[in-house]
PDB file of N, CA and C in Angstrom:
ATOM      1  N   MET A   1     103.460 121.309 102.881  1.00  0.00           N
ATOM      2  CA  MET A   1     102.697 122.099 103.822  1.00  0.00           C
ATOM      3  C   MET A   1     103.578 123.077 104.590  1.00  0.00           C
ATOM      4  N   THR A   2     104.877 122.959 104.445  1.00  0.00           N
ATOM      5  CA  THR A   2     105.765 123.834 105.204  1.00  0.00           C
ATOM      6  C   THR A   2     106.281 125.006 104.380  1.00  0.00           C
ATOM      7  N   SER A   3     105.750 125.202 103.186  1.00  0.00           N
ATOM      8  CA  SER A   3     106.212 126.282 102.333  1.00  0.00           C
ATOM      9  C   SER A   3     105.973 127.633 102.983  1.00  0.00           C
ATOM     10  N   GLU A   4     106.983 128.479 102.921  1.00  0.00           N
ATOM     11  CA  GLU A   4     106.839 129.820 103.472  1.00  0.00           C
ATOM     12  C   GLU A   4     106.093 130.732 102.509  1.00  0.00           C
ATOM     13  N   HIS A   5     106.102 130.394 101.216  1.00  0.00           N
ATOM     14  CA  HIS A   5     105.416 131.215 100.226  1.00  0.00           C
ATOM     15  C   HIS A   5     103.947 130.825 100.169  1.00  0.00           C
ATOM     16  N   GLN A   6     103.085 131.706 100.655  1.00  0.00           N
ATOM     17  CA  GLN A   6     101.643 131.497 100.617  1.00  0.00           C
ATOM     18  C   GLN A   6     101.000 132.844 100.341  1.00  0.00           C
ATOM     19  N   TYR A   7     100.067 132.886  99.382  1.00  0.00           N
ATOM     20  CA  TYR A   7      99.449 134.155  99.061  1.00  0.00           C
ATOM     21  C   TYR A   7      98.079 133.921  98.439  1.00  0.00           C
ATOM     22  N   ILE A   8      97.058 134.559  98.969  1.00  0.00           N
ATOM     23  CA  ILE A   8      95.720 134.516  98.392  1.00  0.00           C
ATOM     24  C   ILE A   8      95.599 135.734  97.487  1.00  0.00           C
ATOM     25  N   SER A   9      95.498 135.503  96.178  1.00  0.00           N
ATOM     26  CA  SER A   9      95.470 136.621  95.249  1.00  0.00           C
ATOM     27  C   SER A   9      94.064 137.024  94.827  1.00  0.00           C
ATOM     28  N   ARG A  10      93.105 136.125  94.954  1.00  0.00           N
ATOM     29  CA  ARG A  10      91.747 136.469  94.534  1.00  0.00           C
ATOM     30  C   ARG A  10      90.716 135.738  95.383  1.00  0.00           C
ATOM     31  N   LYS A  11      89.751 136.508  95.851  1.00  0.00           N
ATOM     32  CA  LYS A  11      88.550 135.976  96.515  1.00  0.00           C
ATOM     33  C   LYS A  11      87.394 136.774  95.926  1.00  0.00           C
ATOM     34  N   ASP A  12      86.716 136.215  94.950  1.00  0.00           N
ATOM     35  CA  ASP A  12      85.679 136.942  94.231  1.00  0.00           C
ATOM     36  C   ASP A  12      84.319 136.313  94.521  1.00  0.00           C
ATOM     37  N   GLU A  13      83.522 136.999  95.316  1.00  0.00           N
ATOM     38  CA  GLU A  13      82.192 136.494  95.689  1.00  0.00           C
ATOM     39  C   GLU A  13      81.270 136.367  94.480  1.00  0.00           C
ATOM     40  N   GLY A  14      81.313 137.346  93.571  1.00  0.00           N
ATOM     41  CA  GLY A  14      80.433 137.319  92.402  1.00  0.00           C
ATOM     42  C   GLY A  14      80.744 136.166  91.469  1.00  0.00           C
ATOM     43  N   GLU A  15      82.029 135.975  91.183  1.00  0.00           N
ATOM     44  CA  GLU A  15      82.439 134.881  90.301  1.00  0.00           C
ATOM     45  C   GLU A  15      82.536 133.557  91.041  1.00  0.00           C
ATOM     46  N   ARG A  16      82.537 133.616  92.357  1.00  0.00           N
ATOM     47  CA  ARG A  16      82.670 132.422  93.208  1.00  0.00           C
ATOM     48  C   ARG A  16      84.006 131.714  92.964  1.00  0.00           C
ATOM     49  N   VAL A  17      85.085 132.504  92.866  1.00  0.00           N
ATOM     50  CA  VAL A  17      86.418 131.975  92.565  1.00  0.00           C
ATOM     51  C   VAL A  17      87.386 132.364  93.674  1.00  0.00           C
ATOM     52  N   ILE A  18      88.255 131.411  94.020  1.00  0.00           N
ATOM     53  CA  ILE A  18      89.366 131.661  94.941  1.00  0.00           C
ATOM     54  C   ILE A  18      90.638 131.199  94.242  1.00  0.00           C
ATOM     55  N   VAL A  19      91.664 132.052  94.272  1.00  0.00           N
ATOM     56  CA  VAL A  19      92.969 131.719  93.698  1.00  0.00           C
ATOM     57  C   VAL A  19      94.016 131.975  94.772  1.00  0.00           C
ATOM     58  N   PHE A  20      94.884 130.991  95.004  1.00  0.00           N
ATOM     59  CA  PHE A  20      95.981 131.213  95.938  1.00  0.00           C
ATOM     60  C   PHE A  20      97.205 130.426  95.528  1.00  0.00           C
ATOM     61  N   GLU A  21      98.342 130.860  96.058  1.00  0.00           N
ATOM     62  CA  GLU A  21      99.625 130.221  95.784  1.00  0.00           C
ATOM     63  C   GLU A  21     100.161 129.603  97.067  1.00  0.00           C
ATOM     64  N   ARG A  22     100.843 128.511  96.894  1.00  0.00           N
ATOM     65  CA  ARG A  22     101.568 127.887  98.001  1.00  0.00           C
ATOM     66  C   ARG A  22     102.793 127.223  97.400  1.00  0.00           C
ATOM     67  N   GLY A  23     103.958 127.725  97.737  1.00  0.00           N
ATOM     68  CA  GLY A  23     105.191 127.204  97.130  1.00  0.00           C
ATOM     69  C   GLY A  23     105.174 127.456  95.636  1.00  0.00           C
ATOM     70  N   ASN A  24     105.426 126.415  94.852  1.00  0.00           N
ATOM     71  CA  ASN A  24     105.431 126.510  93.386  1.00  0.00           C
ATOM     72  C   ASN A  24     104.090 126.126  92.777  1.00  0.00           C
ATOM     73  N   LEU A  25     103.034 126.128  93.576  1.00  0.00           N
ATOM     74  CA  LEU A  25     101.706 125.718  93.112  1.00  0.00           C
ATOM     75  C   LEU A  25     100.759 126.898  93.071  1.00  0.00           C
ATOM     76  N   VAL A  26      99.851 126.883  92.087  1.00  0.00           N
ATOM     77  CA  VAL A  26      98.773 127.861  91.992  1.00  0.00           C
ATOM     78  C   VAL A  26      97.461 127.074  92.023  1.00  0.00           C
ATOM     79  N   PHE A  27      96.608 127.388  92.994  1.00  0.00           N
ATOM     80  CA  PHE A  27      95.328 126.712  93.174  1.00  0.00           C
ATOM     81  C   PHE A  27      94.219 127.608  92.638  1.00  0.00           C
ATOM     82  N   VAL A  28      93.331 127.045  91.823  1.00  0.00           N
ATOM     83  CA  VAL A  28      92.193 127.794  91.287  1.00  0.00           C
ATOM     84  C   VAL A  28      90.929 127.010  91.622  1.00  0.00           C
ATOM     85  N   PHE A  29      90.079 127.609  92.454  1.00  0.00           N
ATOM     86  CA  PHE A  29      88.811 127.000  92.842  1.00  0.00           C
ATOM     87  C   PHE A  29      87.675 127.804  92.218  1.00  0.00           C
ATOM     88  N   ASN A  30      86.826 127.150  91.444  1.00  0.00           N
ATOM     89  CA  ASN A  30      85.637 127.779  90.896  1.00  0.00           C
ATOM     90  C   ASN A  30      84.428 127.085  91.524  1.00  0.00           C
ATOM     91  N   PHE A  31      83.795 127.762  92.462  1.00  0.00           N
ATOM     92  CA  PHE A  31      82.658 127.200  93.176  1.00  0.00           C
ATOM     93  C   PHE A  31      81.317 127.544  92.519  1.00  0.00           C
ATOM     94  N   HIS A  32      81.351 128.257  91.380  1.00  0.00           N
ATOM     95  CA  HIS A  32      80.104 128.662  90.737  1.00  0.00           C
ATOM     96  C   HIS A  32      79.362 127.423  90.244  1.00  0.00           C
ATOM     97  N   TRP A  33      78.059 127.414  90.399  1.00  0.00           N
ATOM     98  CA  TRP A  33      77.268 126.234  90.061  1.00  0.00           C
ATOM     99  C   TRP A  33      77.041 126.085  88.560  1.00  0.00           C
ATOM    100  N   HIS A  34      77.150 127.176  87.751  1.00  0.00           N
ATOM    101  CA  HIS A  34      76.942 127.004  86.315  1.00  0.00           C
ATOM    102  C   HIS A  34      77.895 127.811  85.434  1.00  0.00           C
ATOM    103  N   GLU A  35      78.702 128.715  85.982  1.00  0.00           N
ATOM    104  CA  GLU A  35      79.607 129.531  85.170  1.00  0.00           C
ATOM    105  C   GLU A  35      81.015 128.932  85.108  1.00  0.00           C
ATOM    106  N   SER A  36      81.447 128.618  83.888  1.00  0.00           N
ATOM    107  CA  SER A  36      82.836 128.241  83.629  1.00  0.00           C
ATOM    108  C   SER A  36      83.513 129.449  83.002  1.00  0.00           C
ATOM    109  N   TYR A  37      84.809 129.608  83.246  1.00  0.00           N
ATOM    110  CA  TYR A  37      85.524 130.788  82.766  1.00  0.00           C
ATOM    111  C   TYR A  37      86.688 130.375  81.881  1.00  0.00           C
ATOM    112  N   GLY A  38      86.590 130.691  80.589  1.00  0.00           N
ATOM    113  CA  GLY A  38      87.675 130.439  79.650  1.00  0.00           C
ATOM    114  C   GLY A  38      88.570 131.661  79.570  1.00  0.00           C
ATOM    115  N   GLY A  39      89.867 131.460  79.410  1.00  0.00           N
ATOM    116  CA  GLY A  39      90.799 132.579  79.359  1.00  0.00           C
ATOM    117  C   GLY A  39      90.807 133.375  80.641  1.00  0.00           C
ATOM    118  N   TYR A  40      90.672 132.682  81.759  1.00  0.00           N
ATOM    119  CA  TYR A  40      90.596 133.333  83.074  1.00  0.00           C
ATOM    120  C   TYR A  40      92.008 133.664  83.556  1.00  0.00           C
ATOM    121  N   ARG A  41      92.250 134.936  83.831  1.00  0.00           N
ATOM    122  CA  ARG A  41      93.587 135.369  84.258  1.00  0.00           C
ATOM    123  C   ARG A  41      93.727 135.214  85.765  1.00  0.00           C
ATOM    124  N   VAL A  42      94.807 134.521  86.161  1.00  0.00           N
ATOM    125  CA  VAL A  42      95.110 134.361  87.586  1.00  0.00           C
ATOM    126  C   VAL A  42      96.536 134.844  87.844  1.00  0.00           C
ATOM    127  N   GLY A  43      96.720 135.559  88.919  1.00  0.00           N
ATOM    128  CA  GLY A  43      98.029 136.075  89.270  1.00  0.00           C
ATOM    129  C   GLY A  43      98.943 134.989  89.814  1.00  0.00           C
ATOM    130  N   CYS A  44     100.247 135.150  89.592  1.00  0.00           N
ATOM    131  CA  CYS A  44     101.247 134.234  90.139  1.00  0.00           C
ATOM    132  C   CYS A  44     102.539 135.015  90.362  1.00  0.00           C
ATOM    133  N   SER A  45     103.407 134.477  91.188  1.00  0.00           N
ATOM    134  CA  SER A  45     104.644 135.205  91.481  1.00  0.00           C
ATOM    135  C   SER A  45     105.840 134.694  90.697  1.00  0.00           C
ATOM    136  N   LYS A  46     105.854 133.423  90.352  1.00  0.00           N
ATOM    137  CA  LYS A  46     107.053 132.838  89.753  1.00  0.00           C
ATOM    138  C   LYS A  46     106.918 132.711  88.243  1.00  0.00           C
ATOM    139  N   PRO A  47     107.976 133.074  87.509  1.00  0.00           N
ATOM    140  CA  PRO A  47     107.930 132.978  86.050  1.00  0.00           C
ATOM    141  C   PRO A  47     108.150 131.546  85.587  1.00  0.00           C
ATOM    142  N   GLY A  48     107.613 131.233  84.414  1.00  0.00           N
ATOM    143  CA  GLY A  48     107.892 129.934  83.827  1.00  0.00           C
ATOM    144  C   GLY A  48     106.673 129.229  83.298  1.00  0.00           C
ATOM    145  N   LYS A  49     106.843 127.927  83.131  1.00  0.00           N
ATOM    146  CA  LYS A  49     105.827 127.049  82.567  1.00  0.00           C
ATOM    147  C   LYS A  49     105.113 126.319  83.698  1.00  0.00           C
ATOM    148  N   TYR A  50     103.793 126.240  83.598  1.00  0.00           N
ATOM    149  CA  TYR A  50     102.973 125.545  84.589  1.00  0.00           C
ATOM    150  C   TYR A  50     102.186 124.438  83.895  1.00  0.00           C
ATOM    151  N   LYS A  51     101.940 123.363  84.644  1.00  0.00           N
ATOM    152  CA  LYS A  51     101.117 122.257  84.152  1.00  0.00           C
ATOM    153  C   LYS A  51     100.124 121.861  85.241  1.00  0.00           C
ATOM    154  N   ILE A  52      99.027 121.270  84.813  1.00  0.00           N
ATOM    155  CA  ILE A  52      98.016 120.782  85.758  1.00  0.00           C
ATOM    156  C   ILE A  52      98.557 119.542  86.457  1.00  0.00           C
ATOM    157  N   VAL A  53      98.507 119.549  87.788  1.00  0.00           N
ATOM    158  CA  VAL A  53      98.947 118.378  88.552  1.00  0.00           C
ATOM    159  C   VAL A  53      97.795 117.744  89.336  1.00  0.00           C
ATOM    160  N   LEU A  54      96.715 118.475  89.516  1.00  0.00           N
ATOM    161  CA  LEU A  54      95.530 117.927  90.182  1.00  0.00           C
ATOM    162  C   LEU A  54      94.311 118.628  89.617  1.00  0.00           C
ATOM    163  N   ASP A  55      93.282 117.837  89.327  1.00  0.00           N
ATOM    164  CA  ASP A  55      92.095 118.360  88.668  1.00  0.00           C
ATOM    165  C   ASP A  55      90.884 117.610  89.201  1.00  0.00           C
ATOM    166  N   SER A  56      90.039 118.290  89.964  1.00  0.00           N
ATOM    167  CA  SER A  56      88.867 117.620  90.541  1.00  0.00           C
ATOM    168  C   SER A  56      87.836 117.251  89.482  1.00  0.00           C
ATOM    169  N   ASP A  57      87.974 117.775  88.259  1.00  0.00           N
ATOM    170  CA  ASP A  57      87.059 117.457  87.168  1.00  0.00           C
ATOM    171  C   ASP A  57      87.495 116.201  86.413  1.00  0.00           C
ATOM    172  N   ASP A  58      88.567 115.563  86.845  1.00  0.00           N
ATOM    173  CA  ASP A  58      89.066 114.342  86.222  1.00  0.00           C
ATOM    174  C   ASP A  58      88.040 113.213  86.395  1.00  0.00           C
ATOM    175  N   LEU A  59      87.973 112.324  85.415  1.00  0.00           N
ATOM    176  CA  LEU A  59      87.067 111.180  85.501  1.00  0.00           C
ATOM    177  C   LEU A  59      87.330 110.332  86.741  1.00  0.00           C
ATOM    178  N   LEU A  60      88.588 110.284  87.165  1.00  0.00           N
ATOM    179  CA  LEU A  60      88.974 109.539  88.360  1.00  0.00           C
ATOM    180  C   LEU A  60      88.175 109.976  89.589  1.00  0.00           C
ATOM    181  N   PHE A  61      87.811 111.278  89.614  1.00  0.00           N
ATOM    182  CA  PHE A  61      87.076 111.824  90.749  1.00  0.00           C
ATOM    183  C   PHE A  61      85.592 112.004  90.451  1.00  0.00           C
ATOM    184  N   GLY A  62      85.111 111.423  89.355  1.00  0.00           N
ATOM    185  CA  GLY A  62      83.703 111.534  88.996  1.00  0.00           C
ATOM    186  C   GLY A  62      83.371 112.804  88.242  1.00  0.00           C
ATOM    187  N   GLY A  63      84.389 113.475  87.689  1.00  0.00           N
ATOM    188  CA  GLY A  63      84.181 114.730  86.967  1.00  0.00           C
ATOM    189  C   GLY A  63      83.859 114.505  85.507  1.00  0.00           C
ATOM    190  N   PHE A  64      83.851 115.597  84.755  1.00  0.00           N
ATOM    191  CA  PHE A  64      83.485 115.569  83.349  1.00  0.00           C
ATOM    192  C   PHE A  64      84.687 115.601  82.410  1.00  0.00           C
ATOM    193  N   ASN A  65      85.895 115.614  82.943  1.00  0.00           N
ATOM    194  CA  ASN A  65      87.131 115.538  82.157  1.00  0.00           C
ATOM    195  C   ASN A  65      87.221 116.670  81.129  1.00  0.00           C
ATOM    196  N   ARG A  66      86.975 117.909  81.579  1.00  0.00           N
ATOM    197  CA  ARG A  66      86.964 119.055  80.673  1.00  0.00           C
ATOM    198  C   ARG A  66      88.333 119.701  80.485  1.00  0.00           C
ATOM    199  N   LEU A  67      89.338 119.273  81.206  1.00  0.00           N
ATOM    200  CA  LEU A  67      90.665 119.888  81.119  1.00  0.00           C
ATOM    201  C   LEU A  67      91.663 118.938  80.466  1.00  0.00           C
ATOM    202  N   ASN A  68      92.527 119.485  79.631  1.00  0.00           N
ATOM    203  CA  ASN A  68      93.566 118.716  78.960  1.00  0.00           C
ATOM    204  C   ASN A  68      94.854 118.848  79.767  1.00  0.00           C
ATOM    205  N   HIS A  69      95.342 117.747  80.287  1.00  0.00           N
ATOM    206  CA  HIS A  69      96.535 117.768  81.129  1.00  0.00           C
ATOM    207  C   HIS A  69      97.829 117.890  80.337  1.00  0.00           C
ATOM    208  N   ASP A  70      97.752 117.845  79.012  1.00  0.00           N
ATOM    209  CA  ASP A  70      98.942 118.010  78.186  1.00  0.00           C
ATOM    210  C   ASP A  70      99.238 119.476  77.871  1.00  0.00           C
ATOM    211  N   VAL A  71      98.300 120.361  78.176  1.00  0.00           N
ATOM    212  CA  VAL A  71      98.474 121.782  77.885  1.00  0.00           C
ATOM    213  C   VAL A  71      99.486 122.384  78.852  1.00  0.00           C
ATOM    214  N   GLU A  72     100.341 123.255  78.319  1.00  0.00           N
ATOM    215  CA  GLU A  72     101.310 123.987  79.141  1.00  0.00           C
ATOM    216  C   GLU A  72     100.851 125.437  79.244  1.00  0.00           C
ATOM    217  N   PHE A  73     100.988 126.012  80.414  1.00  0.00           N
ATOM    218  CA  PHE A  73     100.568 127.381  80.678  1.00  0.00           C
ATOM    219  C   PHE A  73     101.813 128.197  80.997  1.00  0.00           C
ATOM    220  N   PHE A  74     102.009 129.304  80.287  1.00  0.00           N
ATOM    221  CA  PHE A  74     103.198 130.118  80.472  1.00  0.00           C
ATOM    222  C   PHE A  74     102.824 131.435  81.137  1.00  0.00           C
ATOM    223  N   SER A  75     103.581 131.813  82.138  1.00  0.00           N
ATOM    224  CA  SER A  75     103.322 133.075  82.825  1.00  0.00           C
ATOM    225  C   SER A  75     103.719 134.233  81.921  1.00  0.00           C
ATOM    226  N   THR A  76     103.019 135.340  82.087  1.00  0.00           N
ATOM    227  CA  THR A  76     103.357 136.572  81.377  1.00  0.00           C
ATOM    228  C   THR A  76     103.646 137.648  82.405  1.00  0.00           C
ATOM    229  N   GLU A  77     104.564 138.524  82.058  1.00  0.00           N
ATOM    230  CA  GLU A  77     104.939 139.619  82.961  1.00  0.00           C
ATOM    231  C   GLU A  77     103.824 140.649  83.010  1.00  0.00           C
ATOM    232  N   GLY A  78     103.705 141.309  84.126  1.00  0.00           N
ATOM    233  CA  GLY A  78     102.699 142.347  84.288  1.00  0.00           C
ATOM    234  C   GLY A  78     101.865 142.080  85.520  1.00  0.00           C
ATOM    235  N   TRP A  79     101.641 143.100  86.291  1.00  0.00           N
ATOM    236  CA  TRP A  79     100.942 142.949  87.569  1.00  0.00           C
ATOM    237  C   TRP A  79      99.466 142.619  87.374  1.00  0.00           C
ATOM    238  N   TYR A  80      99.012 141.625  88.135  1.00  0.00           N
ATOM    239  CA  TYR A  80      97.600 141.244  88.144  1.00  0.00           C
ATOM    240  C   TYR A  80      97.277 140.691  89.527  1.00  0.00           C
ATOM    241  N   ASP A  81      96.237 141.191  90.142  1.00  0.00           N
ATOM    242  CA  ASP A  81      95.855 140.765  91.506  1.00  0.00           C
ATOM    243  C   ASP A  81      97.026 140.848  92.481  1.00  0.00           C
ATOM    244  N   ASN A  82      97.784 141.922  92.414  1.00  0.00           N
ATOM    245  CA  ASN A  82      98.940 142.150  93.286  1.00  0.00           C
ATOM    246  C   ASN A  82     100.049 141.118  93.101  1.00  0.00           C
ATOM    247  N   ARG A  83     100.099 140.483  91.953  1.00  0.00           N
ATOM    248  CA  ARG A  83     101.137 139.511  91.633  1.00  0.00           C
ATOM    249  C   ARG A  83     101.913 140.019  90.427  1.00  0.00           C
ATOM    250  N   PRO A  84     103.225 139.764  90.350  1.00  0.00           N
ATOM    251  CA  PRO A  84     104.035 140.312  89.257  1.00  0.00           C
ATOM    252  C   PRO A  84     103.821 139.639  87.897  1.00  0.00           C
ATOM    253  N   ARG A  85     103.128 138.517  87.876  1.00  0.00           N
ATOM    254  CA  ARG A  85     102.886 137.761  86.649  1.00  0.00           C
ATOM    255  C   ARG A  85     101.486 137.168  86.680  1.00  0.00           C
ATOM    256  N   SER A  86     101.097 136.564  85.549  1.00  0.00           N
ATOM    257  CA  SER A  86      99.781 135.921  85.512  1.00  0.00           C
ATOM    258  C   SER A  86      99.771 134.797  84.487  1.00  0.00           C
ATOM    259  N   LEU A  87      98.742 133.956  84.595  1.00  0.00           N
ATOM    260  CA  LEU A  87      98.493 132.853  83.669  1.00  0.00           C
ATOM    261  C   LEU A  87      97.070 132.980  83.155  1.00  0.00           C
ATOM    262  N   LEU A  88      96.823 132.475  81.946  1.00  0.00           N
ATOM    263  CA  LEU A  88      95.463 132.354  81.439  1.00  0.00           C
ATOM    264  C   LEU A  88      95.081 130.884  81.520  1.00  0.00           C
ATOM    265  N   VAL A  89      93.983 130.591  82.208  1.00  0.00           N
ATOM    266  CA  VAL A  89      93.560 129.205  82.422  1.00  0.00           C
ATOM    267  C   VAL A  89      92.074 129.061  82.096  1.00  0.00           C
ATOM    268  N   TYR A  90      91.637 127.828  82.031  1.00  0.00           N
ATOM    269  CA  TYR A  90      90.214 127.514  81.921  1.00  0.00           C
ATOM    270  C   TYR A  90      89.776 127.042  83.300  1.00  0.00           C
ATOM    271  N   ALA A  91      88.738 127.666  83.829  1.00  0.00           N
ATOM    272  CA  ALA A  91      88.230 127.314  85.155  1.00  0.00           C
ATOM    273  C   ALA A  91      86.792 126.812  85.026  1.00  0.00           C
ATOM    274  N   PRO A  92      86.616 125.492  84.827  1.00  0.00           N
ATOM    275  CA  PRO A  92      85.262 124.953  84.720  1.00  0.00           C
ATOM    276  C   PRO A  92      84.486 125.133  86.032  1.00  0.00           C
ATOM    277  N   ASN A  93      83.175 125.218  85.914  1.00  0.00           N
ATOM    278  CA  ASN A  93      82.364 125.366  87.121  1.00  0.00           C
ATOM    279  C   ASN A  93      82.509 124.159  88.046  1.00  0.00           C
ATOM    280  N   ARG A  94      82.419 124.428  89.330  1.00  0.00           N
ATOM    281  CA  ARG A  94      82.475 123.417  90.398  1.00  0.00           C
ATOM    282  C   ARG A  94      83.744 122.556  90.344  1.00  0.00           C
ATOM    283  N   THR A  95      84.896 123.211  90.197  1.00  0.00           N
ATOM    284  CA  THR A  95      86.161 122.471  90.135  1.00  0.00           C
ATOM    285  C   THR A  95      87.243 123.117  90.982  1.00  0.00           C
ATOM    286  N   ALA A  96      88.239 122.308  91.294  1.00  0.00           N
ATOM    287  CA  ALA A  96      89.478 122.766  91.910  1.00  0.00           C
ATOM    288  C   ALA A  96      90.610 122.243  91.034  1.00  0.00           C
ATOM    289  N   VAL A  97      91.490 123.144  90.606  1.00  0.00           N
ATOM    290  CA  VAL A  97      92.603 122.760  89.733  1.00  0.00           C
ATOM    291  C   VAL A  97      93.890 123.308  90.330  1.00  0.00           C
ATOM    292  N   VAL A  98      94.928 122.473  90.339  1.00  0.00           N
ATOM    293  CA  VAL A  98      96.226 122.886  90.864  1.00  0.00           C
ATOM    294  C   VAL A  98      97.234 122.868  89.720  1.00  0.00           C
ATOM    295  N   TYR A  99      97.911 124.009  89.551  1.00  0.00           N
ATOM    296  CA  TYR A  99      98.948 124.174  88.535  1.00  0.00           C
ATOM    297  C   TYR A  99     100.296 124.217  89.234  1.00  0.00           C
ATOM    298  N   ALA A 100     101.271 123.476  88.695  1.00  0.00           N
ATOM    299  CA  ALA A 100     102.615 123.446  89.290  1.00  0.00           C
ATOM    300  C   ALA A 100     103.621 124.040  88.322  1.00  0.00           C
ATOM    301  N   LEU A 101     104.555 124.791  88.875  1.00  0.00           N
ATOM    302  CA  LEU A 101     105.673 125.314  88.095  1.00  0.00           C
ATOM    303  C   LEU A 101     106.530 124.131  87.667  1.00  0.00           C
ATOM    304  N   VAL A 102     106.810 124.040  86.377  1.00  0.00           N
ATOM    305  CA  VAL A 102     107.528 122.892  85.827  1.00  0.00           C
ATOM    306  C   VAL A 102     108.967 123.288  85.525  1.00  0.00           C
ATOM    307  N   GLU A 103     109.889 122.489  86.016  1.00  0.00           N
ATOM    308  CA  GLU A 103     111.302 122.673  85.677  1.00  0.00           C
ATOM    309  C   GLU A 103     111.515 122.097  84.288  1.00  0.00           C
ATOM    310  N   ASP A 104     112.293 122.779  83.467  1.00  0.00           N
ATOM    311  CA  ASP A 104     112.610 122.242  82.149  1.00  0.00           C
ATOM    312  C   ASP A 104     113.421 120.971  82.296  1.00  0.00           C
ATOM    313  N   GLU A 105     113.308 120.104  81.288  1.00  0.00           N
ATOM    314  CA  GLU A 105     114.065 118.851  81.277  1.00  0.00           C
ATOM    315  C   GLU A 105     115.555 119.174  81.326  1.00  0.00           C
ATOM    316  N   PRO A 106     116.325 118.479  82.154  1.00  0.00           N
ATOM    317  CA  PRO A 106     117.771 118.733  82.167  1.00  0.00           C
ATOM    318  C   PRO A 106     118.384 118.346  80.825  1.00  0.00           C
ATOM    319  N   LYS A 107     119.336 119.142  80.388  1.00  0.00           N
ATOM    320  CA  LYS A 107     119.994 118.860  79.113  1.00  0.00           C
ATOM    321  C   LYS A 107     120.894 117.645  79.264  1.00  0.00           C
ATOM    322  N   ALA A 108     120.969 116.860  78.213  1.00  0.00           N
ATOM    323  CA  ALA A 108     121.762 115.629  78.231  1.00  0.00           C
ATOM    324  C   ALA A 108     123.234 115.959  78.006  1.00  0.00           C
ATOM    325  N   THR A 109     123.835 116.642  78.956  1.00  0.00           N
ATOM    326  CA  THR A 109     125.253 116.981  78.830  1.00  0.00           C
ATOM    327  C   THR A 109     126.114 116.122  79.738  1.00  0.00           C
ATOM    328  N   GLY A 110     125.510 115.264  80.518  1.00  0.00           N
ATOM    329  CA  GLY A 110     126.262 114.434  81.451  1.00  0.00           C
ATOM    330  C   GLY A 110     127.301 113.578  80.760  1.00  0.00           C
ATOM    331  N   ASN A 111     126.929 112.912  79.651  1.00  0.00           N
ATOM    332  CA  ASN A 111     127.869 112.058  78.924  1.00  0.00           C
ATOM    333  C   ASN A 111     128.963 112.879  78.273  1.00  0.00           C
ATOM    334  N   LEU A 112     128.603 114.053  77.759  1.00  0.00           N
ATOM    335  CA  LEU A 112     129.586 114.917  77.125  1.00  0.00           C
ATOM    336  C   LEU A 112     130.639 115.355  78.138  1.00  0.00           C
ATOM    337  N   GLN A 113     130.195 115.752  79.312  1.00  0.00           N
ATOM    338  CA  GLN A 113     131.132 116.176  80.344  1.00  0.00           C
ATOM    339  C   GLN A 113     132.018 115.008  80.769  1.00  0.00           C
ATOM    340  N   LEU A 114     131.457 113.833  80.895  1.00  0.00           N
ATOM    341  CA  LEU A 114     132.233 112.657  81.279  1.00  0.00           C
ATOM    342  C   LEU A 114     133.301 112.369  80.215  1.00  0.00           C
ATOM    343  N   THR A 115     132.911 112.444  78.929  1.00  0.00           N
ATOM    344  CA  THR A 115     133.854 112.197  77.847  1.00  0.00           C
ATOM    345  C   THR A 115     134.978 113.223  77.865  1.00  0.00           C
ATOM    346  N   GLU A 116     134.625 114.501  78.087  1.00  0.00           N
ATOM    347  CA  GLU A 116     135.658 115.539  78.130  1.00  0.00           C
ATOM    348  C   GLU A 116     136.594 115.316  79.321  1.00  0.00           C
ATOM    349  N   ASN A 117     136.059 114.889  80.438  1.00  0.00           N
ATOM    350  CA  ASN A 117     136.895 114.636  81.615  1.00  0.00           C
ATOM    351  C   ASN A 117     137.838 113.460  81.371  1.00  0.00           C
ATOM    352  N   VAL A 118     137.360 112.433  80.650  1.00  0.00           N
ATOM    353  CA  VAL A 118     138.217 111.276  80.353  1.00  0.00           C
ATOM    354  C   VAL A 118     139.340 111.692  79.413  1.00  0.00           C
ATOM    355  N   LYS A 119     139.016 112.537  78.418  1.00  0.00           N
ATOM    356  CA  LYS A 119     140.042 112.998  77.452  1.00  0.00           C
ATOM    357  C   LYS A 119     141.125 113.802  78.168  1.00  0.00           C
ATOM    358  N   ASN A 120     140.739 114.541  79.196  1.00  0.00           N
ATOM    359  CA  ASN A 120     141.708 115.382  79.905  1.00  0.00           C
ATOM    360  C   ASN A 120     142.597 114.584  80.848  1.00  0.00           C
ATOM    361  N   CYS A 121     142.291 113.331  81.112  1.00  0.00           N
ATOM    362  CA  CYS A 121     143.097 112.528  82.041  1.00  0.00           C
ATOM    363  C   CYS A 121     144.362 112.032  81.421  1.00  0.00           C
TER     364      CYS A 121
END
């Protein structure tokens, strides 16, 4: 809650969608009662890979489980909604979905470095 990076990139009355960023998260709210949006472009500021970290459509919350949490979303360069990059997402009707910027897995070089350091002793 203390992130200095906060930006509302979309407030669309017709589509009933709100998109905003806070820190490394992108929030997509679709309040439309019957319209779901596939291939929906949302602006973001940070480059990289994003994954779903919260989904109000999850069965846990009484939803219809329409989103696959294994899917990775990659930002593309180019201005959209006053943001330097964007993502293509699925925004089911009556849902809130949070996408988080994912750090790549650290490379397993720790043992290699340790071995090289031991050899140099």
